[in-house]
């Protein structure tokens, strides 16, 4: 039902206020016919168009009223009666009702309506105005309803969905952490989250992944697994995260080059006492090269659902026991609901770490991201539900890092 506005990458912090510029910086305007304006989900508001003030001050309150009547009080028929004839061609009232019922099934009932945005001109030369209305479910999670309104109080462009906002889990204490962009907005984009007002030095964990197209939080749907690791700064352990950058692919060794850059920025910090790595999944294939590039620097490595057998793309080789560091503390963490890595990978690492006399922890009901789940998760859940990394392995990681920081 929902669709990103043109040129929106879907990563905006709040879906209601997506105003991404045109990627080329040009005032390019699509050809729009009056018929198109009422097609559900066909276009979002033109983010590069200048909108004059709306001459109809009643529109925001009107939009709030009808959204409340439909989504909170359940009068779907009345709401649908306001749709333009053209909009009704694309969805029946029955299908619209099913769409709302599906949302309620996933997220629970909508219990209240919030504020409305200022109406913006739908398109130049047409007296149609588009805006967003907030609404919330019983858990106070924010959703949006987008619609266009005509002077005759008809509506079109009906879209609704959940806002993409990170909800801090209870185990993270925001008032105890400080987030710093180490390289501004330039490549490579690297973020340090550190203990706030901490006196002296602290150990720092460098978080490494291979999801090269994801942002610094590894956002997927409503999940932000990398950001959940900000639990560590809450307990006085620094956290370095980053985004992959073009130069990391120049030498055909992106995992190692990406990791090296993050470690280099970590070493520039006077407030960091020791450097630890958190290697997830496929990033462990570069463990030997990473350790060799920074001899005597890495104080410990946490391995989360790690890879041992290389994918068949020929870029990496299977690991051997000789690739496993001998003189660096290692912590192996696995999840029983991991459906990305092959169980043989964890078994191979388990054998290797037993030879090295290192610590191994396995959680039956955690997945590849260490999200907890009562049942084996399905891939589509990550775009529907909000999940967080379990605090149990996070506390284990923090305890382990502190134990090896003395």
Foldseek 3Di string as FASTA:
>chain_A
DEDQAPPDPPPDQWSQDDQDADPVNDPDDDDDDPLQLFAARPHDANSSDDFDAQPDPCVFVLVQVLCCCPQAVNPLVVLVVLADPSHCVVDPSVRVVVVSVVLCVQPNGWHHWDGKDGWGDRDPPDQKTKIKTWTAHPVRFIKIWIWIAHPVGHIGNTDIDGIQHADQDPLADVVQKDKDFLPPPDPWTKIKIAGPPDPAAAAEEEEADDPQPAFQQSADANERLNVLLSSLRSVGYMYMTTHFDDVLPPVLRNLQSVSVVRVVSVVVDPRHQAYEYEYAAASCLCQQVNCVVPPPRHQAYEYQNYAQCDDPPPSGHGDDLVSDDQPHAYEYEYEQLAPPYDPVRSVRVVVSVVVSVHHYYYHHQAYRSQWGDPDRDDPCCSNRDYTYHDVVVSVVVSVVVVVRSD
